[in-house]
Amino acid sequence: MTRHLRFILGDQLTRDVSALTDLDPAQDVVLMVEAAAEASNVPHHPQKIAFVLSAMRHFAQSLRDEGVKVDYVQMDAAENSQDLGTELARAVQRHRPASIIVTEPSEWRVRQMMQTWETGAALDIRQDDRFFCARSDFAALTKARKTGRMEFFYREMRRRTGVLMRDDGPEGGQWNFDPDNRKALPRGLRPPPRRRFVPDAITRDVLTLVAARFGHHFGDLEPFGWAVTRGDAVHALDHFITDCLPNFGDYQDAMKAGEDFMYHSLISPYLNIGLLTAREVCARAEAAYHAGAAAINAVEGFIRQILGWREFVRGIYWAEMPDYAQTNHLNATRDLPALYWTGQTPMRCMAECIGTTRRHAYAHHIQRLMVTGNFALLAAIAPAQIEAWYLAVYADAFEWVELPNVHGMVLHADGGRIGSKPYAASGAYIDRMSDYCQGCAFDPKVKLGPKACPFNYLYWNFLIKNEATLKPNPRMSLPYVTLSKMPQEQRAQITQSADLFLAGL
């Protein structure tokens, strides 16, 4: 009789994840299941599916190499029901364990699913301790009024962990160096070639499977270059720390056609499925600073994304779901335009960012926030529809991190719980931070007419349509002062241009 059946989910590929900490290879069995239901709850990008499945298979093999008995259910197995709960019940029948041990899932949907599992064995759901801030700690911080804004939460996490701290204050004399990190990429500066990984036999088998079953989903399956093992993920981290982190700070907001990765880390997929841990990643970045290999603005900006934003949005997600996902503060109801799936649009910035997404199941945070996200905000796309798109198309997108970022940061659908103001911008921002406007059918300097950048009149139309809701926000005072001086005839022209453009979508 098996002592424990330890059920490892596809985003828990960490050897010391809580479900495995007291593993006894002589008495326990590890269960892993590939389920088509999980690969198609939204039409996930083929590279994302292949990445998760290949990483799962490699993780299972690494456990076997340790002498661990692994019961692995492949998606193409004839008897696979393609449902996690059903496969768990079948495994219980095979192994007759005294109990089932699982680490709490990352997504609300799966946690609710767990409550319906009927296996006849006791279920031990353990805390996911891969994060700096446990859910109970976040609740306590909320009670202490330290989660009202990410910045204050981030400072508290710095104090608690000692990361980038000197004595009782922040390293470098200030908490946040974001004002130093908004430079456009200078002409002639070329980001380094990025480390990609050649698929091995296991990954090739997965690519064949994904092509057959999910090849109709949005996105190119090949060339596939993601790391799918712990060792290669560490190599990817090494490459970022050595070759990219020194320039990451200055140019983290920059965009350039043909440079899909810039100086960004590309490690978020590895963090989100467990091939890397947040603690080791922050430690490596901090060590680079202390060694003089990267400046404080680069290291602090990078660590803030992990110790600050990543932890903060997870806390919000678990504290406020499921009601959080239902909010729609700006009453956005427009259907998602087809261009998000086709990339066919004369707006070069949108075509570039959607093209990057199609090629790599990746786009960096400014492309997501200030191009595809900004457009969704200004066009009043229904939150659930654009959120499903983000969840589907990015390799690092799991609902716990995707939903708060899109719902709160991108769409302001939560009324300001995450971001104190909408991240709305006209074409001038995109022109300043990229070269996308060069050769575009539209001109960011033209405000109205057929040559006008749609972001220009969409931006002002957004302010007009949401004036009653947004004008009282102190952080929106400057644009509304400008709007108040705008002649009614000009406002009417803006609204008409926006309505015609949006109707054409």
Protein backbone atom coordinates (compact mmCIF):
# COMPACT_ATOMS: atom_id res chain seq x y z
CA MET A 1 0.00 0.00 0.00
CA THR A 2 1.27 3.47 -0.89
CA ARG A 3 1.72 5.80 2.06
CA HIS A 4 1.09 9.08 0.22
CA LEU A 5 0.05 9.95 -3.33
CA ARG A 6 1.63 13.30 -4.03
CA PHE A 7 -0.22 15.15 -6.80
CA ILE A 8 1.98 17.72 -8.59
CA LEU A 9 0.28 20.24 -10.87
CA GLY A 10 1.83 21.62 -14.05
CA ASP A 11 2.94 24.91 -12.48
CA GLN A 12 4.52 23.30 -9.40
CA LEU A 13 7.72 21.96 -10.94
CA THR A 14 9.97 22.76 -7.99
CA ARG A 15 11.80 19.95 -6.19
CA ASP A 16 11.19 21.46 -2.77
CA VAL A 17 7.56 22.44 -3.39
CA SER A 18 5.58 21.80 -0.19
CA ALA A 19 3.90 18.65 -1.55
CA LEU A 20 7.35 17.06 -1.95
CA THR A 21 9.27 18.33 1.08
CA ASP A 22 8.92 15.11 3.12
CA LEU A 23 8.78 12.72 0.17
CA ASP A 24 9.81 9.13 0.94
CA PRO A 25 10.73 7.40 -2.35
CA ALA A 26 10.34 4.01 -0.70
CA GLN A 27 6.70 4.54 0.24
CA ASP A 28 5.26 7.42 -1.80
CA VAL A 29 4.13 7.87 -5.40
CA VAL A 30 4.16 11.16 -7.32
CA LEU A 31 1.23 11.66 -9.68
CA MET A 32 1.40 14.03 -12.65
CA VAL A 33 -1.38 14.43 -15.23
CA GLU A 34 -1.55 16.09 -18.64
CA ALA A 35 -5.17 17.12 -19.16
CA ALA A 36 -6.58 18.52 -22.38
CA ALA A 37 -9.20 20.34 -20.31
CA GLU A 38 -6.41 22.46 -18.79
CA ALA A 39 -4.83 23.14 -22.19
CA SER A 40 -8.08 24.33 -23.73
CA ASN A 41 -10.03 26.18 -21.02
CA VAL A 42 -8.98 29.12 -23.22
CA PRO A 43 -7.25 28.60 -26.59
CA HIS A 44 -3.74 28.71 -25.16
CA HIS A 45 -0.83 29.57 -27.46
CA PRO A 46 0.72 26.32 -28.79
CA GLN A 47 4.14 27.32 -27.42
CA LYS A 48 2.64 27.79 -23.96
CA ILE A 49 1.08 24.33 -24.03
CA ALA A 50 4.30 22.77 -25.30
CA PHE A 51 6.35 24.63 -22.70
CA VAL A 52 4.26 23.37 -19.78
CA LEU A 53 3.94 19.79 -21.05
CA SER A 54 7.62 19.43 -21.87
CA ALA A 55 8.65 20.94 -18.52
CA MET A 56 6.30 18.50 -16.76
CA ARG A 57 7.82 15.52 -18.58
CA HIS A 58 11.35 16.63 -17.84
CA PHE A 59 10.49 17.22 -14.17
CA ALA A 60 8.98 13.73 -13.94
CA GLN A 61 12.16 12.28 -15.44
CA SER A 62 14.32 14.16 -12.93
CA LEU A 63 12.27 12.62 -10.10
CA ARG A 64 12.65 9.14 -11.60
CA ASP A 65 16.40 9.72 -11.80
CA GLU A 66 16.29 10.22 -8.00
CA GLY A 67 14.57 6.88 -7.57
CA VAL A 68 11.09 8.34 -7.07
CA LYS A 69 8.14 6.37 -8.40
CA VAL A 70 6.19 8.63 -10.76
CA ASP A 71 2.75 7.79 -12.11
CA TYR A 72 2.64 10.03 -15.18
CA VAL A 73 -0.50 10.24 -17.35
CA GLN A 74 0.33 11.58 -20.80
CA MET A 75 -2.29 13.43 -22.78
CA ASP A 76 -2.23 10.92 -25.62
CA ALA A 77 -2.72 7.90 -23.33
CA ALA A 78 -5.79 5.99 -24.48
CA GLU A 79 -7.34 5.82 -21.01
CA ASN A 80 -6.76 9.52 -20.14
CA SER A 81 -10.09 11.20 -19.30
CA GLN A 82 -8.38 14.61 -19.80
CA ASP A 83 -9.75 15.80 -16.43
CA LEU A 84 -7.56 16.31 -13.34
CA GLY A 85 -10.11 15.13 -10.79
CA THR A 86 -11.03 12.01 -12.71
CA GLU A 87 -7.40 11.07 -13.21
CA LEU A 88 -6.69 11.59 -9.52
CA ALA A 89 -9.57 9.25 -8.62
CA ARG A 90 -8.25 6.65 -11.05
CA ALA A 91 -4.76 6.92 -9.54
CA VAL A 92 -6.21 6.39 -6.06
CA GLN A 93 -7.74 3.16 -7.33
CA ARG A 94 -4.36 2.08 -8.70
CA HIS A 95 -2.27 2.90 -5.63
CA ARG A 96 -4.69 2.82 -2.65
CA PRO A 97 -2.82 5.60 -0.75
CA ALA A 98 -3.46 6.44 2.89
CA SER A 99 -3.70 10.09 1.85
CA ILE A 100 -3.25 12.52 -1.03
CA ILE A 101 -0.86 15.46 -0.64
CA VAL A 102 -1.04 18.47 -2.95
CA THR A 103 0.28 22.02 -2.83
CA GLU A 104 -2.50 24.60 -3.03
CA PRO A 105 -3.17 25.53 -6.66
CA SER A 106 -2.30 28.94 -8.03
CA GLU A 107 -5.72 29.57 -9.61
CA TRP A 108 -9.15 30.06 -8.03
CA ARG A 109 -10.75 27.85 -10.68
CA VAL A 110 -8.57 24.87 -9.76
CA ARG A 111 -9.04 25.47 -6.03
CA GLN A 112 -12.81 25.31 -6.54
CA MET A 113 -12.34 22.19 -8.63
CA MET A 114 -10.42 20.55 -5.79
CA GLN A 115 -13.44 20.91 -3.53
CA THR A 116 -15.41 18.64 -5.87
CA TRP A 117 -12.84 15.84 -5.98
CA GLU A 118 -14.17 12.59 -4.59
CA THR A 119 -11.46 9.98 -4.22
CA GLY A 120 -12.17 8.20 -0.95
CA ALA A 121 -8.76 9.24 0.40
CA ALA A 122 -7.90 12.09 2.77
CA LEU A 123 -6.72 15.22 0.96
CA ASP A 124 -3.92 17.31 2.50
CA ILE A 125 -3.69 20.71 0.76
CA ARG A 126 -0.46 22.45 1.74
CA GLN A 127 0.51 26.10 1.53
CA ASP A 128 2.51 27.15 -1.52
CA ASP A 129 5.64 28.48 0.15
CA ARG A 130 7.41 29.49 -3.06
CA PHE A 131 6.24 33.09 -2.53
CA PHE A 132 7.71 35.68 -0.19
CA CYS A 133 4.28 36.64 1.18
CA ALA A 134 1.91 33.89 2.29
CA ARG A 135 -1.78 34.50 1.77
CA SER A 136 -2.27 34.77 5.54
CA ASP A 137 0.54 37.34 5.74
CA PHE A 138 -1.07 39.41 2.99
CA ALA A 139 -4.37 39.33 4.90
CA ALA A 140 -2.57 40.56 8.01
CA LEU A 141 -0.88 43.34 6.05
CA THR A 142 -4.25 44.32 4.58
CA LYS A 143 -5.70 44.55 8.08
CA ALA A 144 -2.74 46.74 9.02
CA ARG A 145 -3.49 48.94 5.95
CA LYS A 146 -0.21 48.13 4.22
CA THR A 147 -1.64 46.78 0.94
CA GLY A 148 -3.54 49.83 -0.24
CA ARG A 149 -0.88 50.54 -2.85
CA MET A 150 1.80 48.30 -4.30
CA GLU A 151 4.57 50.78 -3.44
CA PHE A 152 3.88 50.62 0.30
CA PHE A 153 3.49 46.83 0.21
CA TYR A 154 6.80 46.61 -1.69
CA ARG A 155 8.61 48.70 0.91
CA GLU A 156 7.24 46.47 3.65
CA MET A 157 8.47 43.39 1.77
CA ARG A 158 11.91 44.95 1.42
CA ARG A 159 12.01 45.53 5.17
CA ARG A 160 10.81 42.00 5.94
CA THR A 161 13.21 40.23 3.60
CA GLY A 162 16.20 42.56 3.84
CA VAL A 163 16.46 42.62 0.05
CA LEU A 164 18.26 45.76 -1.16
CA MET A 165 18.38 47.17 2.36
CA ARG A 166 21.28 48.91 4.09
CA ASP A 167 20.88 49.23 7.85
CA ASP A 168 17.27 50.44 8.23
CA GLY A 169 16.97 52.15 4.88
CA PRO A 170 16.83 51.28 1.19
CA GLU A 171 20.03 50.58 -0.73
CA GLY A 172 20.96 53.63 -2.80
CA GLY A 173 19.06 56.02 -0.54
CA GLN A 174 15.62 55.71 -2.13
CA TRP A 175 13.00 53.00 -2.50
CA ASN A 176 12.13 53.39 -6.16
CA PHE A 177 14.30 54.37 -9.14
CA ASP A 178 11.53 54.18 -11.74
CA PRO A 179 12.07 57.76 -13.01
CA ASP A 180 15.53 56.62 -14.19
CA ASN A 181 14.06 53.74 -16.20
CA ARG A 182 12.13 55.49 -18.96
CA LYS A 183 14.66 55.97 -21.74
CA ALA A 184 14.04 55.20 -25.38
CA LEU A 185 16.57 52.91 -27.02
CA PRO A 186 19.32 55.06 -28.59
CA ARG A 187 19.89 54.67 -32.29
CA GLY A 188 22.69 52.17 -32.90
CA LEU A 189 22.42 50.37 -29.57
CA ARG A 190 21.62 46.70 -30.18
CA PRO A 191 20.38 44.41 -27.41
CA PRO A 192 22.34 41.16 -27.15
CA PRO A 193 21.24 37.99 -28.94
CA ARG A 194 19.08 36.00 -26.54
CA ARG A 195 19.80 32.52 -25.27
CA ARG A 196 17.33 30.02 -26.72
CA PHE A 197 17.31 26.26 -26.21
CA VAL A 198 17.23 23.54 -28.86
CA PRO A 199 14.38 21.04 -28.27
CA ASP A 200 15.52 17.57 -27.21
CA ALA A 201 13.73 14.29 -27.95
CA ILE A 202 11.19 14.78 -25.14
CA THR A 203 10.32 18.27 -26.32
CA ARG A 204 10.13 17.09 -29.95
CA ASP A 205 7.53 14.49 -28.96
CA VAL A 206 5.56 17.19 -27.18
CA LEU A 207 5.77 19.53 -30.17
CA THR A 208 4.35 16.78 -32.39
CA LEU A 209 1.51 16.22 -29.94
CA VAL A 210 0.71 19.93 -29.62
CA ALA A 211 0.81 20.47 -33.40
CA ALA A 212 -1.74 17.69 -33.88
CA ARG A 213 -4.10 18.70 -31.07
CA PHE A 214 -3.72 22.46 -30.70
CA GLY A 215 -2.16 23.62 -33.95
CA HIS A 216 -5.33 25.58 -34.76
CA HIS A 217 -4.84 27.86 -31.74
CA PHE A 218 -3.43 31.36 -32.19
CA GLY A 219 0.36 31.44 -32.32
CA ASP A 220 3.38 29.86 -34.00
CA LEU A 221 4.56 26.61 -32.45
CA GLU A 222 8.03 26.78 -33.98
CA PRO A 223 10.76 27.80 -33.67
CA PHE A 224 10.45 26.74 -30.02
CA GLY A 225 13.28 27.96 -27.77
CA TRP A 226 12.03 28.00 -24.17
CA ALA A 227 13.97 26.27 -21.42
CA VAL A 228 12.06 23.23 -20.14
CA THR A 229 14.45 21.98 -17.45
CA ARG A 230 15.69 23.46 -14.22
CA GLY A 231 19.25 23.46 -15.55
CA ASP A 232 18.43 25.38 -18.71
CA ALA A 233 16.24 27.84 -16.77
CA VAL A 234 19.27 28.60 -14.59
CA HIS A 235 21.32 29.17 -17.76
CA ALA A 236 18.64 31.60 -18.95
CA LEU A 237 18.87 33.44 -15.64
CA ASP A 238 22.68 33.53 -15.91
CA HIS A 239 22.39 35.04 -19.38
CA PHE A 240 20.02 37.75 -18.18
CA ILE A 241 22.08 38.69 -15.14
CA THR A 242 25.33 38.85 -17.12
CA ASP A 243 24.30 40.20 -20.51
CA CYS A 244 21.03 42.09 -20.03
CA LEU A 245 20.53 43.30 -16.47
CA PRO A 246 23.13 46.11 -16.75
CA ASN A 247 20.97 47.84 -19.39
CA PHE A 248 17.59 46.57 -18.23
CA GLY A 249 16.86 49.56 -16.01
CA ASP A 250 17.48 52.31 -18.53
CA TYR A 251 15.56 50.68 -21.37
CA GLN A 252 12.91 48.50 -19.70
CA ASP A 253 10.13 50.69 -21.13
CA ALA A 254 11.61 50.95 -24.63
CA MET A 255 10.20 49.22 -27.71
CA LYS A 256 11.80 48.64 -31.09
CA ALA A 257 10.55 46.87 -34.20
CA GLY A 258 12.47 43.64 -34.78
CA GLU A 259 13.79 43.54 -31.20
CA ASP A 260 11.25 41.28 -29.57
CA PHE A 261 13.11 40.78 -26.28
CA MET A 262 15.17 43.95 -25.70
CA TYR A 263 16.93 43.62 -22.29
CA HIS A 264 14.06 41.86 -20.52
CA SER A 265 14.69 38.75 -18.45
CA LEU A 266 12.35 36.26 -20.23
CA ILE A 267 12.25 34.27 -16.98
CA SER A 268 8.63 34.87 -15.92
CA PRO A 269 7.48 31.56 -17.48
CA TYR A 270 10.13 29.73 -15.46
CA LEU A 271 9.14 31.51 -12.26
CA ASN A 272 5.47 30.81 -12.79
CA ILE A 273 5.83 27.05 -13.26
CA GLY A 274 8.58 26.56 -10.69
CA LEU A 275 11.77 26.00 -12.69
CA LEU A 276 13.16 29.07 -10.91
CA THR A 277 12.23 30.51 -7.53
CA ALA A 278 11.59 34.15 -6.69
CA ARG A 279 14.11 34.04 -3.86
CA GLU A 280 17.00 32.85 -6.00
CA VAL A 281 16.20 35.30 -8.77
CA CYS A 282 16.15 38.29 -6.41
CA ALA A 283 19.32 37.05 -4.72
CA ARG A 284 21.14 36.82 -8.06
CA ALA A 285 20.11 40.34 -9.06
CA GLU A 286 21.10 41.78 -5.68
CA ALA A 287 24.46 40.01 -5.85
CA ALA A 288 25.08 41.60 -9.27
CA TYR A 289 24.52 45.02 -7.72
CA HIS A 290 26.87 44.40 -4.81
CA ALA A 291 29.51 43.07 -7.24
CA GLY A 292 29.28 46.29 -9.26
CA ALA A 293 27.98 44.44 -12.32
CA ALA A 294 24.65 46.30 -12.53
CA ALA A 295 23.48 49.73 -11.37
CA ILE A 296 20.93 50.25 -8.62
CA ASN A 297 18.22 51.52 -10.98
CA ALA A 298 18.41 48.30 -13.02
CA VAL A 299 18.50 45.96 -10.05
CA GLU A 300 15.84 47.78 -8.03
CA GLY A 301 13.53 48.00 -11.05
CA PHE A 302 13.89 44.28 -11.70
CA ILE A 303 13.45 43.23 -8.08
CA ARG A 304 10.39 45.49 -7.75
CA GLN A 305 8.68 43.48 -10.48
CA ILE A 306 9.16 40.27 -8.47
CA LEU A 307 9.18 41.22 -4.79
CA GLY A 308 6.68 44.02 -5.39
CA TRP A 309 4.28 43.52 -8.27
CA ARG A 310 4.29 39.73 -8.50
CA GLU A 311 3.64 39.28 -4.79
CA PHE A 312 1.13 42.13 -4.66
CA VAL A 313 -1.10 40.91 -7.49
CA ARG A 314 -1.11 37.38 -6.06
CA GLY A 315 -2.22 38.77 -2.73
CA ILE A 316 -5.02 40.80 -4.32
CA TYR A 317 -6.12 37.83 -6.41
CA TRP A 318 -6.55 35.45 -3.49
CA ALA A 319 -7.93 38.08 -1.11
CA GLU A 320 -10.63 39.37 -3.47
CA MET A 321 -11.64 36.55 -5.80
CA PRO A 322 -14.14 35.65 -7.13
CA ASP A 323 -15.91 39.02 -6.85
CA TYR A 324 -12.83 40.87 -8.12
CA ALA A 325 -13.15 39.43 -11.63
CA GLN A 326 -16.75 40.63 -11.94
CA THR A 327 -16.07 44.33 -11.45
CA ASN A 328 -16.31 46.67 -14.45
CA HIS A 329 -15.73 50.16 -13.10
CA LEU A 330 -15.73 51.89 -16.50
CA ASN A 331 -18.62 49.83 -17.92
CA ALA A 332 -16.57 48.57 -20.88
CA THR A 333 -18.65 46.29 -23.12
CA ARG A 334 -17.16 46.24 -26.63
CA ASP A 335 -16.38 42.82 -28.11
CA LEU A 336 -12.72 41.93 -28.59
CA PRO A 337 -11.76 43.00 -32.15
CA ALA A 338 -10.53 40.33 -34.54
CA LEU A 339 -7.22 42.18 -34.95
CA TYR A 340 -6.07 40.76 -31.59
CA TRP A 341 -6.10 37.33 -33.19
CA THR A 342 -5.05 38.25 -36.72
CA GLY A 343 -2.60 41.10 -36.11
CA GLN A 344 -3.98 42.62 -39.32
CA THR A 345 -4.19 46.35 -38.70
CA PRO A 346 -2.59 49.47 -40.23
CA MET A 347 -1.58 50.54 -36.71
CA ARG A 348 2.04 49.45 -36.81
CA CYS A 349 2.46 49.39 -33.02
CA MET A 350 -0.44 46.96 -32.59
CA ALA A 351 0.73 44.82 -35.51
CA GLU A 352 4.28 44.66 -34.08
CA CYS A 353 3.19 43.70 -30.56
CA ILE A 354 0.65 41.12 -31.71
CA GLY A 355 3.23 39.76 -34.13
CA THR A 356 5.76 39.36 -31.30
CA THR A 357 3.07 37.59 -29.30
CA ARG A 358 2.28 35.26 -32.17
CA ARG A 359 5.93 34.35 -32.73
CA HIS A 360 7.02 33.79 -29.13
CA ALA A 361 4.00 33.60 -26.78
CA TYR A 362 5.73 36.63 -25.27
CA ALA A 363 5.70 40.42 -25.24
CA HIS A 364 7.32 42.57 -22.60
CA HIS A 365 5.35 44.52 -20.03
CA ILE A 366 5.24 47.87 -21.85
CA GLN A 367 4.03 46.23 -25.05
CA ARG A 368 1.28 44.56 -23.02
CA LEU A 369 0.39 47.60 -20.91
CA MET A 370 0.88 50.59 -23.19
CA VAL A 371 0.07 49.17 -26.63
CA THR A 372 -2.31 46.20 -26.67
CA GLY A 373 -3.58 47.05 -23.18
CA ASN A 374 -3.86 50.78 -23.77
CA PHE A 375 -5.86 50.09 -26.92
CA ALA A 376 -8.21 47.76 -25.02
CA LEU A 377 -8.73 50.42 -22.35
CA LEU A 378 -9.39 53.24 -24.82
CA ALA A 379 -11.64 51.06 -26.98
CA ALA A 380 -13.69 49.97 -23.93
CA ILE A 381 -13.24 46.26 -24.62
CA ALA A 382 -15.16 44.05 -22.19
CA PRO A 383 -12.79 43.01 -19.39
CA ALA A 384 -13.58 39.29 -19.52
CA GLN A 385 -12.86 39.15 -23.26
CA ILE A 386 -9.48 40.88 -23.25
CA GLU A 387 -8.49 39.03 -20.07
CA ALA A 388 -9.20 35.70 -21.77
CA TRP A 389 -6.96 36.84 -24.64
CA TYR A 390 -4.04 37.68 -22.34
CA LEU A 391 -4.50 34.39 -20.50
CA ALA A 392 -4.44 32.48 -23.78
CA VAL A 393 -1.54 34.02 -25.66
CA TYR A 394 1.34 34.40 -23.18
CA ALA A 395 3.56 31.61 -21.92
CA ASP A 396 3.77 33.18 -18.45
CA ALA A 397 0.02 33.81 -18.12
CA PHE A 398 -1.70 32.04 -15.26
CA GLU A 399 -4.88 33.59 -13.95
CA TRP A 400 -3.49 34.58 -10.54
CA VAL A 401 -0.97 36.91 -12.17
CA GLU A 402 -2.73 37.71 -15.46
CA LEU A 403 -6.15 38.68 -14.12
CA PRO A 404 -5.13 41.37 -11.58
CA ASN A 405 -2.60 42.87 -13.98
CA VAL A 406 -5.08 43.14 -16.83
CA HIS A 407 -8.24 43.81 -14.81
CA GLY A 408 -6.65 46.37 -12.52
CA MET A 409 -3.49 47.73 -14.11
CA VAL A 410 -4.51 47.66 -17.78
CA LEU A 411 -8.27 48.24 -17.70
CA HIS A 412 -8.86 50.04 -14.38
CA ALA A 413 -11.88 47.75 -14.13
CA ASP A 414 -11.38 47.39 -10.38
CA GLY A 415 -11.90 51.11 -9.79
CA GLY A 416 -8.36 51.72 -8.59
CA ARG A 417 -7.62 48.80 -6.27
CA ILE A 418 -4.34 48.09 -8.06
CA GLY A 419 -3.57 51.24 -10.03
CA SER A 420 -4.48 54.68 -8.70
CA LYS A 421 -5.30 55.92 -12.22
CA PRO A 422 -5.91 54.43 -15.67
CA TYR A 423 -2.77 53.87 -17.73
CA ALA A 424 -4.22 55.71 -20.72
CA ALA A 425 -1.97 57.38 -23.26
CA SER A 426 -2.11 58.95 -26.69
CA GLY A 427 0.13 58.16 -29.64
CA ALA A 428 2.78 60.52 -28.30
CA TYR A 429 3.83 57.99 -25.64
CA ILE A 430 4.29 55.20 -28.17
CA ASP A 431 6.20 57.56 -30.47
CA ARG A 432 8.49 58.59 -27.61
CA MET A 433 9.24 55.06 -26.41
CA SER A 434 9.51 53.20 -29.73
CA ASP A 435 10.21 53.39 -33.44
CA TYR A 436 6.81 51.88 -34.27
CA CYS A 437 5.43 55.14 -35.62
CA GLN A 438 8.04 55.25 -38.40
CA GLY A 439 6.42 53.92 -41.55
CA CYS A 440 2.99 53.64 -39.93
CA ALA A 441 -0.11 54.53 -41.91
CA PHE A 442 -0.94 57.07 -39.19
CA ASP A 443 0.94 60.05 -37.75
CA PRO A 444 1.17 60.46 -33.96
CA LYS A 445 1.47 64.22 -34.41
CA VAL A 446 -1.87 64.46 -36.21
CA LYS A 447 -4.86 64.68 -33.88
CA LEU A 448 -7.85 64.42 -36.25
CA GLY A 449 -8.50 63.31 -39.80
CA PRO A 450 -7.61 60.23 -41.84
CA LYS A 451 -3.88 60.44 -41.04
CA ALA A 452 -4.39 60.91 -37.30
CA CYS A 453 -3.06 58.23 -34.99
CA PRO A 454 -6.15 56.44 -33.62
CA PHE A 455 -4.61 56.51 -30.15
CA ASN A 456 -4.90 60.30 -30.20
CA TYR A 457 -8.63 60.68 -30.64
CA LEU A 458 -9.33 57.44 -28.74
CA TYR A 459 -7.45 58.89 -25.74
CA TRP A 460 -9.47 62.09 -25.62
CA ASN A 461 -12.68 60.24 -26.37
CA PHE A 462 -11.90 57.96 -23.41
CA LEU A 463 -11.60 61.01 -21.15
CA ILE A 464 -14.83 62.49 -22.52
CA LYS A 465 -16.83 59.27 -22.14
CA ASN A 466 -15.56 58.65 -18.60
CA GLU A 467 -15.49 62.25 -17.36
CA ALA A 468 -18.04 61.77 -14.58
CA THR A 469 -16.13 58.77 -13.22
CA LEU A 470 -12.51 59.88 -13.68
CA LYS A 471 -12.49 63.66 -13.28
CA PRO A 472 -12.69 63.51 -9.45
CA ASN A 473 -9.47 61.45 -9.40
CA PRO A 474 -6.65 63.84 -8.36
CA ARG A 475 -4.17 62.01 -10.58
CA MET A 476 -6.33 62.81 -13.60
CA SER A 477 -6.51 66.54 -12.95
CA LEU A 478 -4.03 67.67 -15.62
CA PRO A 479 -5.68 65.98 -18.62
CA TYR A 480 -9.09 67.13 -17.44
CA VAL A 481 -7.87 70.73 -17.13
CA THR A 482 -6.79 70.46 -20.77
CA LEU A 483 -10.11 68.89 -21.73
CA SER A 484 -12.03 71.67 -19.98
CA LYS A 485 -10.36 74.23 -22.28
CA MET A 486 -11.23 72.28 -25.42
CA PRO A 487 -13.96 73.84 -27.61
CA GLN A 488 -17.20 71.86 -27.86
CA GLU A 489 -16.77 71.59 -31.62
CA GLN A 490 -13.39 69.90 -31.18
CA ARG A 491 -14.81 67.54 -28.57
CA ALA A 492 -17.59 66.61 -30.97
CA GLN A 493 -15.05 65.92 -33.75
CA ILE A 494 -13.06 63.70 -31.41
CA THR A 495 -16.13 61.71 -30.41
CA GLN A 496 -17.23 61.35 -34.02
CA SER A 497 -13.78 60.16 -35.15
CA ALA A 498 -13.57 57.66 -32.31
CA ASP A 499 -17.07 56.32 -32.90
CA LEU A 500 -16.40 55.84 -36.63
CA PHE A 501 -13.08 54.09 -35.96
CA LEU A 502 -14.50 51.80 -33.29
CA ALA A 503 -17.50 50.93 -35.42
CA GLY A 504 -15.07 49.88 -38.14
CA LEU A 505 -13.43 47.32 -35.85
